[in-house]
Amino acid sequence: MCFDLDSRPPIAPIAGGALDSSELVLDAADGNRLRAFRARATTPTGAGIVILPDVRGLHPYYEELALRFAETGVDAVAIDYFGRTAGIGGREDGFAFMPHVDQLTWGGLQADVRAGAEHLRMADERRVDALFTIGFCMGGRLAFLTATLGLGLAGSIGLYGNPVGPGRAGMPVPADLALEMTNPILGLFGGADPGIPPESIAAFDEAVTKAGVDHRIVTYDGAPHSFFDRKTEEFADVSRQAWDETLTFVRGRTPNPVTG
């Protein structure tokens, strides 16, 4: 599991930055119905982002992250993964997510990501011109792979998503599909993450470089897996750097620059 149940994004709120937020149910092309959480910016910039959670699916951490994006002018939708097996109802903190993770499929994940992307592109008078994905851990790997799905993305951002080796739900190896990536990549990793050692990060960097993919790979020395957490005060500076990297990446690929 990426975060503790009481973890939250290490980003200070911006007063008046988010227009509104709401829970949603999205319809995927394969007939699945999935939970989602949307946050809309008071002053939209044309940027939108699909948030891809870790193995727990849609959790308050990601709902709060959607609000923080909206406060910077980026419309956001965070999606759940477990509509096919757990339904669309609310879940308690003790929700046993692993049996549902074990039933995920690569095809199902693709359908759910597409549903989130379609919602951002089509909702609210089509406010979104530049669409991004961001994911964490399992969702970070998925974010890298969204660059291969023909979604017309402006960029994909993965935080401590393993880009090599076997993955959950039959997800392919991102490094192996570098030639199929059609949008810029931002990869943010912890230098003290035993699950993603330096050689794995280097292999991904080499693969996307050889494929000619516009990318930036950042490794934060001494930072563990899941460092982007309000509770990890010793990594507050690293978290601020990662948030700045994320907004700079989005800002540089959005027609109307993101403020804040």
C-alpha atoms as a PDB file:
ATOM      1  CA  MET A   1       0.000   0.000   0.000  1.00  0.00           C
ATOM      2  CA  CYS A   2       1.350   3.403  -0.925  1.00  0.00           C
ATOM      3  CA  PHE A   3      -0.002   5.530   1.929  1.00  0.00           C
ATOM      4  CA  ASP A   4      -1.417   5.143   5.418  1.00  0.00           C
ATOM      5  CA  LEU A   5      -5.174   5.583   5.703  1.00  0.00           C
ATOM      6  CA  ASP A   6      -4.763   9.034   7.279  1.00  0.00           C
ATOM      7  CA  SER A   7      -2.244  10.289   4.707  1.00  0.00           C
ATOM      8  CA  ARG A   8      -3.008  13.393   2.680  1.00  0.00           C
ATOM      9  CA  PRO A   9      -1.194  15.322  -0.076  1.00  0.00           C
ATOM     10  CA  PRO A  10       1.493  17.685   1.289  1.00  0.00           C
ATOM     11  CA  ILE A  11       0.047  20.750  -0.456  1.00  0.00           C
ATOM     12  CA  ALA A  12      -1.327  23.820   1.296  1.00  0.00           C
ATOM     13  CA  PRO A  13      -4.844  24.854   0.206  1.00  0.00           C
ATOM     14  CA  ILE A  14      -5.318  28.025  -1.820  1.00  0.00           C
ATOM     15  CA  ALA A  15      -8.357  29.944  -0.567  1.00  0.00           C
ATOM     16  CA  GLY A  16     -11.028  30.377  -3.233  1.00  0.00           C
ATOM     17  CA  GLY A  17      -9.165  28.315  -5.802  1.00  0.00           C
ATOM     18  CA  ALA A  18     -11.701  25.558  -6.475  1.00  0.00           C
ATOM     19  CA  LEU A  19     -15.098  26.331  -7.922  1.00  0.00           C
ATOM     20  CA  ASP A  20     -16.822  23.152  -6.783  1.00  0.00           C
ATOM     21  CA  SER A  21     -16.378  19.439  -6.305  1.00  0.00           C
ATOM     22  CA  SER A  22     -18.658  16.446  -6.499  1.00  0.00           C
ATOM     23  CA  GLU A  23     -18.786  12.677  -6.471  1.00  0.00           C
ATOM     24  CA  LEU A  24     -19.581  11.097  -9.821  1.00  0.00           C
ATOM     25  CA  VAL A  25     -20.389   7.775 -11.401  1.00  0.00           C
ATOM     26  CA  LEU A  26     -18.785   7.332 -14.808  1.00  0.00           C
ATOM     27  CA  ASP A  27     -19.735   4.835 -17.498  1.00  0.00           C
ATOM     28  CA  ALA A  28     -16.887   2.983 -19.201  1.00  0.00           C
ATOM     29  CA  ALA A  29     -17.155   1.688 -22.751  1.00  0.00           C
ATOM     30  CA  ASP A  30     -17.174  -1.945 -21.563  1.00  0.00           C
ATOM     31  CA  GLY A  31     -20.284  -1.331 -19.451  1.00  0.00           C
ATOM     32  CA  ASN A  32     -18.509  -0.806 -16.147  1.00  0.00           C
ATOM     33  CA  ARG A  33     -19.729   1.926 -13.803  1.00  0.00           C
ATOM     34  CA  LEU A  34     -17.019   3.468 -11.646  1.00  0.00           C
ATOM     35  CA  ARG A  35     -16.824   5.962  -8.810  1.00  0.00           C
ATOM     36  CA  ALA A  36     -15.019   9.231  -9.416  1.00  0.00           C
ATOM     37  CA  PHE A  37     -14.434  12.574  -7.738  1.00  0.00           C
ATOM     38  CA  ARG A  38     -14.326  15.808  -9.711  1.00  0.00           C
ATOM     39  CA  ALA A  39     -12.950  19.223  -8.757  1.00  0.00           C
ATOM     40  CA  ARG A  40     -13.443  22.269 -11.008  1.00  0.00           C
ATOM     41  CA  ALA A  41     -11.255  25.367 -11.035  1.00  0.00           C
ATOM     42  CA  THR A  42     -12.640  28.825 -10.365  1.00  0.00           C
ATOM     43  CA  THR A  43     -10.422  30.157 -13.144  1.00  0.00           C
ATOM     44  CA  PRO A  44      -9.902  27.298 -15.599  1.00  0.00           C
ATOM     45  CA  THR A  45      -6.740  27.412 -17.683  1.00  0.00           C
ATOM     46  CA  GLY A  46      -7.661  24.754 -20.216  1.00  0.00           C
ATOM     47  CA  ALA A  47      -5.734  22.051 -18.363  1.00  0.00           C
ATOM     48  CA  GLY A  48      -7.357  18.896 -17.018  1.00  0.00           C
ATOM     49  CA  ILE A  49      -5.888  15.901 -15.227  1.00  0.00           C
ATOM     50  CA  VAL A  50      -7.031  12.329 -14.578  1.00  0.00           C
ATOM     51  CA  ILE A  51      -5.747  11.138 -11.185  1.00  0.00           C
ATOM     52  CA  LEU A  52      -4.866   7.428 -11.005  1.00  0.00           C
ATOM     53  CA  PRO A  53      -4.697   6.164  -7.396  1.00  0.00           C
ATOM     54  CA  ASP A  54      -2.538   3.501  -5.801  1.00  0.00           C
ATOM     55  CA  VAL A  55      -3.854  -0.008  -5.090  1.00  0.00           C
ATOM     56  CA  ARG A  56      -6.596   1.245  -2.722  1.00  0.00           C
ATOM     57  CA  GLY A  57      -8.533   2.902  -5.521  1.00  0.00           C
ATOM     58  CA  LEU A  58     -10.404   6.142  -4.889  1.00  0.00           C
ATOM     59  CA  HIS A  59      -9.383   7.304  -1.407  1.00  0.00           C
ATOM     60  CA  PRO A  60      -9.725  10.703   0.339  1.00  0.00           C
ATOM     61  CA  TYR A  61      -6.037  11.341  -0.398  1.00  0.00           C
ATOM     62  CA  TYR A  62      -6.848  11.548  -4.105  1.00  0.00           C
ATOM     63  CA  GLU A  63     -10.016  13.540  -3.608  1.00  0.00           C
ATOM     64  CA  GLU A  64      -7.987  16.161  -1.761  1.00  0.00           C
ATOM     65  CA  LEU A  65      -5.343  16.081  -4.480  1.00  0.00           C
ATOM     66  CA  ALA A  66      -8.053  16.836  -7.043  1.00  0.00           C
ATOM     67  CA  LEU A  67      -8.991  19.934  -5.035  1.00  0.00           C
ATOM     68  CA  ARG A  68      -5.374  21.081  -4.895  1.00  0.00           C
ATOM     69  CA  PHE A  69      -5.103  20.796  -8.681  1.00  0.00           C
ATOM     70  CA  ALA A  70      -8.327  22.745  -9.149  1.00  0.00           C
ATOM     71  CA  GLU A  71      -6.952  25.523  -6.959  1.00  0.00           C
ATOM     72  CA  THR A  72      -4.130  25.970  -9.487  1.00  0.00           C
ATOM     73  CA  GLY A  73      -6.527  26.202 -12.433  1.00  0.00           C
ATOM     74  CA  VAL A  74      -6.464  22.516 -13.420  1.00  0.00           C
ATOM     75  CA  ASP A  75      -9.805  20.696 -13.608  1.00  0.00           C
ATOM     76  CA  ALA A  76      -9.328  17.230 -12.099  1.00  0.00           C
ATOM     77  CA  VAL A  77     -11.085  13.900 -11.848  1.00  0.00           C
ATOM     78  CA  ALA A  78      -9.856  11.049  -9.634  1.00  0.00           C
ATOM     79  CA  ILE A  79     -11.127   7.608 -10.628  1.00  0.00           C
ATOM     80  CA  ASP A  80     -11.720   4.334  -8.807  1.00  0.00           C
ATOM     81  CA  TYR A  81     -10.641   0.908 -10.085  1.00  0.00           C
ATOM     82  CA  PHE A  82     -13.131  -1.438  -8.419  1.00  0.00           C
ATOM     83  CA  GLY A  83     -16.520  -0.791  -9.986  1.00  0.00           C
ATOM     84  CA  ARG A  84     -16.649  -4.247 -11.535  1.00  0.00           C
ATOM     85  CA  THR A  85     -16.101  -6.108  -8.268  1.00  0.00           C
ATOM     86  CA  ALA A  86     -16.977  -3.731  -5.399  1.00  0.00           C
ATOM     87  CA  GLY A  87     -19.683  -1.564  -6.951  1.00  0.00           C
ATOM     88  CA  ILE A  88     -19.991   2.203  -6.688  1.00  0.00           C
ATOM     89  CA  GLY A  89     -20.962   2.624  -3.034  1.00  0.00           C
ATOM     90  CA  GLY A  90     -18.857   4.323  -0.358  1.00  0.00           C
ATOM     91  CA  ARG A  91     -16.224   2.328   1.525  1.00  0.00           C
ATOM     92  CA  GLU A  92     -14.967   2.276   5.076  1.00  0.00           C
ATOM     93  CA  ASP A  93     -11.314   2.714   6.015  1.00  0.00           C
ATOM     94  CA  GLY A  94     -11.061  -1.027   6.598  1.00  0.00           C
ATOM     95  CA  PHE A  95     -12.118  -1.885   3.038  1.00  0.00           C
ATOM     96  CA  ALA A  96     -10.278  -5.049   1.957  1.00  0.00           C
ATOM     97  CA  PHE A  97      -8.990  -3.820  -1.378  1.00  0.00           C
ATOM     98  CA  MET A  98      -6.509  -6.572  -2.268  1.00  0.00           C
ATOM     99  CA  PRO A  99      -9.101  -9.160  -3.383  1.00  0.00           C
ATOM    100  CA  HIS A 100     -10.383  -6.532  -5.808  1.00  0.00           C
ATOM    101  CA  VAL A 101      -6.875  -5.593  -6.959  1.00  0.00           C
ATOM    102  CA  ASP A 102      -6.312  -9.250  -7.787  1.00  0.00           C
ATOM    103  CA  GLN A 103      -9.312  -9.153 -10.127  1.00  0.00           C
ATOM    104  CA  LEU A 104      -8.207  -6.082 -12.091  1.00  0.00           C
ATOM    105  CA  THR A 105      -7.394  -6.490 -15.768  1.00  0.00           C
ATOM    106  CA  TRP A 106      -5.384  -4.372 -18.166  1.00  0.00           C
ATOM    107  CA  GLY A 107      -8.408  -4.069 -20.433  1.00  0.00           C
ATOM    108  CA  GLY A 108     -10.590  -2.878 -17.583  1.00  0.00           C
ATOM    109  CA  LEU A 109      -8.052  -0.303 -16.434  1.00  0.00           C
ATOM    110  CA  GLN A 110      -7.803   1.092 -19.950  1.00  0.00           C
ATOM    111  CA  ALA A 111     -11.594   1.424 -20.165  1.00  0.00           C
ATOM    112  CA  ASP A 112     -11.752   3.237 -16.826  1.00  0.00           C
ATOM    113  CA  VAL A 113      -8.969   5.678 -17.732  1.00  0.00           C
ATOM    114  CA  ARG A 114     -10.734   6.438 -20.999  1.00  0.00           C
ATOM    115  CA  ALA A 115     -13.951   7.146 -19.093  1.00  0.00           C
ATOM    116  CA  GLY A 116     -12.162   9.673 -16.893  1.00  0.00           C
ATOM    117  CA  ALA A 117     -10.472  11.298 -19.870  1.00  0.00           C
ATOM    118  CA  GLU A 118     -13.726  11.502 -21.813  1.00  0.00           C
ATOM    119  CA  HIS A 119     -15.501  13.107 -18.865  1.00  0.00           C
ATOM    120  CA  LEU A 120     -12.903  15.858 -18.561  1.00  0.00           C
ATOM    121  CA  ARG A 121     -12.882  16.495 -22.283  1.00  0.00           C
ATOM    122  CA  MET A 122     -16.654  16.554 -22.777  1.00  0.00           C
ATOM    123  CA  ALA A 123     -18.034  18.020 -19.538  1.00  0.00           C
ATOM    124  CA  ASP A 124     -18.622  21.681 -18.704  1.00  0.00           C
ATOM    125  CA  GLU A 125     -18.652  23.197 -22.181  1.00  0.00           C
ATOM    126  CA  ARG A 126     -15.430  21.373 -23.042  1.00  0.00           C
ATOM    127  CA  ARG A 127     -13.229  23.462 -20.755  1.00  0.00           C
ATOM    128  CA  VAL A 128     -10.211  21.144 -21.106  1.00  0.00           C
ATOM    129  CA  ASP A 129      -7.819  21.692 -24.011  1.00  0.00           C
ATOM    130  CA  ALA A 130      -4.694  20.035 -22.564  1.00  0.00           C
ATOM    131  CA  LEU A 131      -5.315  16.694 -20.832  1.00  0.00           C
ATOM    132  CA  PHE A 132      -2.845  15.014 -18.472  1.00  0.00           C
ATOM    133  CA  THR A 133      -2.700  11.912 -16.300  1.00  0.00           C
ATOM    134  CA  ILE A 134      -0.968  11.523 -12.948  1.00  0.00           C
ATOM    135  CA  GLY A 135      -0.614   8.342 -10.943  1.00  0.00           C
ATOM    136  CA  PHE A 136       0.975   6.956  -7.791  1.00  0.00           C
ATOM    137  CA  CYS A 137       2.628   3.560  -7.294  1.00  0.00           C
ATOM    138  CA  MET A 138       0.424   1.157  -9.292  1.00  0.00           C
ATOM    139  CA  GLY A 139      -1.275   4.246 -10.706  1.00  0.00           C
ATOM    140  CA  GLY A 140       2.151   5.688 -11.556  1.00  0.00           C
ATOM    141  CA  ARG A 141       2.906   2.713 -13.776  1.00  0.00           C
ATOM    142  CA  LEU A 142      -0.557   3.096 -15.274  1.00  0.00           C
ATOM    143  CA  ALA A 143       0.107   6.800 -15.900  1.00  0.00           C
ATOM    144  CA  PHE A 144       3.241   5.954 -17.892  1.00  0.00           C
ATOM    145  CA  LEU A 145       1.206   3.482 -19.941  1.00  0.00           C
ATOM    146  CA  THR A 146      -1.521   6.020 -20.706  1.00  0.00           C
ATOM    147  CA  ALA A 147       0.995   7.554 -23.122  1.00  0.00           C
ATOM    148  CA  THR A 148       0.432   4.473 -25.309  1.00  0.00           C
ATOM    149  CA  LEU A 149      -3.377   4.550 -25.373  1.00  0.00           C
ATOM    150  CA  GLY A 150      -3.972   7.127 -28.092  1.00  0.00           C
ATOM    151  CA  LEU A 151      -5.735   9.535 -25.742  1.00  0.00           C
ATOM    152  CA  GLY A 152      -4.150  12.653 -27.213  1.00  0.00           C
ATOM    153  CA  LEU A 153      -2.622  13.555 -23.871  1.00  0.00           C
ATOM    154  CA  ALA A 154      -0.488  16.617 -23.270  1.00  0.00           C
ATOM    155  CA  GLY A 155       1.551  14.647 -20.735  1.00  0.00           C
ATOM    156  CA  SER A 156       1.718  11.734 -18.291  1.00  0.00           C
ATOM    157  CA  ILE A 157       3.129  12.013 -14.756  1.00  0.00           C
ATOM    158  CA  GLY A 158       4.120   9.012 -12.653  1.00  0.00           C
ATOM    159  CA  LEU A 159       5.208   9.142  -9.018  1.00  0.00           C
ATOM    160  CA  TYR A 160       7.086   6.022  -7.896  1.00  0.00           C
ATOM    161  CA  GLY A 161       5.439   3.894 -10.559  1.00  0.00           C
ATOM    162  CA  ASN A 162       7.622   0.903 -11.383  1.00  0.00           C
ATOM    163  CA  PRO A 163       8.557   1.254 -15.061  1.00  0.00           C
ATOM    164  CA  VAL A 164      10.169  -2.176 -15.439  1.00  0.00           C
ATOM    165  CA  GLY A 165       9.430  -5.758 -14.479  1.00  0.00           C
ATOM    166  CA  PRO A 166       6.073  -7.461 -13.900  1.00  0.00           C
ATOM    167  CA  GLY A 167       3.081  -5.388 -12.822  1.00  0.00           C
ATOM    168  CA  ARG A 168      -0.389  -5.866 -11.408  1.00  0.00           C
ATOM    169  CA  ALA A 169      -3.494  -6.508 -13.499  1.00  0.00           C
ATOM    170  CA  GLY A 170      -1.481  -7.707 -16.474  1.00  0.00           C
ATOM    171  CA  MET A 171      -0.191  -4.191 -17.147  1.00  0.00           C
ATOM    172  CA  PRO A 172       2.622  -4.174 -19.705  1.00  0.00           C
ATOM    173  CA  VAL A 173       6.132  -2.960 -18.902  1.00  0.00           C
ATOM    174  CA  PRO A 174       6.313   0.799 -19.612  1.00  0.00           C
ATOM    175  CA  ALA A 175       9.981   0.655 -20.610  1.00  0.00           C
ATOM    176  CA  ASP A 176       9.160  -2.014 -23.197  1.00  0.00           C
ATOM    177  CA  LEU A 177       6.508   0.215 -24.802  1.00  0.00           C
ATOM    178  CA  ALA A 178       8.570   3.403 -25.052  1.00  0.00           C
ATOM    179  CA  LEU A 179       8.314   3.369 -28.857  1.00  0.00           C
ATOM    180  CA  GLU A 180       4.518   3.502 -28.526  1.00  0.00           C
ATOM    181  CA  MET A 181       4.476   6.551 -26.234  1.00  0.00           C
ATOM    182  CA  THR A 182       3.042   9.587 -27.978  1.00  0.00           C
ATOM    183  CA  ASN A 183       3.196  12.295 -25.306  1.00  0.00           C
ATOM    184  CA  PRO A 184       5.726  13.758 -22.836  1.00  0.00           C
ATOM    185  CA  ILE A 185       6.554  11.874 -19.640  1.00  0.00           C
ATOM    186  CA  LEU A 186       7.450  13.129 -16.159  1.00  0.00           C
ATOM    187  CA  GLY A 187       8.759  10.460 -13.790  1.00  0.00           C
ATOM    188  CA  LEU A 188       9.333  11.276 -10.103  1.00  0.00           C
ATOM    189  CA  PHE A 189      11.075   8.673  -7.944  1.00  0.00           C
ATOM    190  CA  GLY A 190      12.489   8.241  -4.458  1.00  0.00           C
ATOM    191  CA  GLY A 191      16.185   7.473  -4.331  1.00  0.00           C
ATOM    192  CA  ALA A 192      15.689   5.258  -1.264  1.00  0.00           C
ATOM    193  CA  ASP A 193      12.800   3.248  -2.715  1.00  0.00           C
ATOM    194  CA  PRO A 194      13.906  -0.403  -2.562  1.00  0.00           C
ATOM    195  CA  GLY A 195      11.139  -1.459  -4.938  1.00  0.00           C
ATOM    196  CA  ILE A 196      12.393   0.811  -7.724  1.00  0.00           C
ATOM    197  CA  PRO A 197      16.211   0.779  -7.558  1.00  0.00           C
ATOM    198  CA  PRO A 198      18.407   3.172  -9.558  1.00  0.00           C
ATOM    199  CA  GLU A 199      19.009   0.612 -12.291  1.00  0.00           C
ATOM    200  CA  SER A 200      15.252   0.360 -12.946  1.00  0.00           C
ATOM    201  CA  ILE A 201      14.950   4.143 -13.250  1.00  0.00           C
ATOM    202  CA  ALA A 202      18.007   4.232 -15.506  1.00  0.00           C
ATOM    203  CA  ALA A 203      16.562   1.519 -17.741  1.00  0.00           C
ATOM    204  CA  PHE A 204      13.357   3.524 -18.174  1.00  0.00           C
ATOM    205  CA  ASP A 205      15.285   6.715 -18.857  1.00  0.00           C
ATOM    206  CA  GLU A 206      17.360   4.925 -21.477  1.00  0.00           C
ATOM    207  CA  ALA A 207      14.274   3.413 -23.127  1.00  0.00           C
ATOM    208  CA  VAL A 208      12.371   6.684 -23.496  1.00  0.00           C
ATOM    209  CA  THR A 209      15.542   8.480 -24.600  1.00  0.00           C
ATOM    210  CA  LYS A 210      16.181   5.946 -27.361  1.00  0.00           C
ATOM    211  CA  ALA A 211      12.522   6.181 -28.398  1.00  0.00           C
ATOM    212  CA  GLY A 212      12.750   9.969 -28.698  1.00  0.00           C
ATOM    213  CA  VAL A 213      10.077  10.576 -26.052  1.00  0.00           C
ATOM    214  CA  ASP A 214      10.063  14.068 -24.533  1.00  0.00           C
ATOM    215  CA  HIS A 215      10.661  13.285 -20.881  1.00  0.00           C
ATOM    216  CA  ARG A 216      12.061  14.365 -17.545  1.00  0.00           C
ATOM    217  CA  ILE A 217      13.113  11.859 -14.895  1.00  0.00           C
ATOM    218  CA  VAL A 218      13.802  13.126 -11.352  1.00  0.00           C
ATOM    219  CA  THR A 219      15.128  11.029  -8.471  1.00  0.00           C
ATOM    220  CA  TYR A 220      15.086  12.564  -4.978  1.00  0.00           C
ATOM    221  CA  ASP A 221      18.072  11.349  -2.979  1.00  0.00           C
ATOM    222  CA  GLY A 222      17.118   9.677   0.283  1.00  0.00           C
ATOM    223  CA  ALA A 223      13.373   9.824  -0.372  1.00  0.00           C
ATOM    224  CA  PRO A 224      11.390   6.612   0.173  1.00  0.00           C
ATOM    225  CA  HIS A 225       8.478   5.164  -1.713  1.00  0.00           C
ATOM    226  CA  SER A 226       5.346   7.266  -1.095  1.00  0.00           C
ATOM    227  CA  PHE A 227       7.334  10.315   0.027  1.00  0.00           C
ATOM    228  CA  PHE A 228       4.598  12.657  -1.266  1.00  0.00           C
ATOM    229  CA  ASP A 229       2.682  12.663   2.012  1.00  0.00           C
ATOM    230  CA  ARG A 230       1.827  15.367   4.541  1.00  0.00           C
ATOM    231  CA  LYS A 231       2.803  12.997   7.340  1.00  0.00           C
ATOM    232  CA  THR A 232       6.402  12.601   6.166  1.00  0.00           C
ATOM    233  CA  GLU A 233       7.597  15.959   7.462  1.00  0.00           C
ATOM    234  CA  GLU A 234      11.240  15.068   6.918  1.00  0.00           C
ATOM    235  CA  PHE A 235      10.529  14.989   3.178  1.00  0.00           C
ATOM    236  CA  ALA A 236       8.520  18.218   3.046  1.00  0.00           C
ATOM    237  CA  ASP A 237      11.128  19.931   0.870  1.00  0.00           C
ATOM    238  CA  VAL A 238      11.190  17.003  -1.537  1.00  0.00           C
ATOM    239  CA  SER A 239       7.405  17.038  -1.707  1.00  0.00           C
ATOM    240  CA  ARG A 240       7.410  20.754  -2.527  1.00  0.00           C
ATOM    241  CA  GLN A 241       9.935  20.117  -5.260  1.00  0.00           C
ATOM    242  CA  ALA A 242       7.807  17.313  -6.686  1.00  0.00           C
ATOM    243  CA  TRP A 243       4.689  19.515  -6.678  1.00  0.00           C
ATOM    244  CA  ASP A 244       6.641  22.300  -8.376  1.00  0.00           C
ATOM    245  CA  GLU A 245       7.914  19.824 -10.984  1.00  0.00           C
ATOM    246  CA  THR A 246       4.357  18.667 -11.609  1.00  0.00           C
ATOM    247  CA  LEU A 247       2.923  22.161 -12.054  1.00  0.00           C
ATOM    248  CA  THR A 248       5.852  23.242 -14.220  1.00  0.00           C
ATOM    249  CA  PHE A 249       5.303  20.207 -16.442  1.00  0.00           C
ATOM    250  CA  VAL A 250       1.598  20.993 -16.765  1.00  0.00           C
ATOM    251  CA  ARG A 251       2.171  24.723 -17.175  1.00  0.00           C
ATOM    252  CA  GLY A 252       4.634  24.215 -19.994  1.00  0.00           C
ATOM    253  CA  ARG A 253       2.220  22.062 -21.962  1.00  0.00           C
ATOM    254  CA  THR A 254      -1.004  24.033 -21.497  1.00  0.00           C
ATOM    255  CA  PRO A 255      -1.941  26.790 -23.976  1.00  0.00           C
ATOM    256  CA  ASN A 256      -2.986  29.124 -21.126  1.00  0.00           C
ATOM    257  CA  PRO A 257      -0.339  28.882 -18.375  1.00  0.00           C
ATOM    258  CA  VAL A 258      -1.344  27.450 -15.029  1.00  0.00           C
ATOM    259  CA  THR A 259      -1.125  29.995 -12.236  1.00  0.00           C
ATOM    260  CA  GLY A 260      -0.532  29.532  -8.573  1.00  0.00           C
END
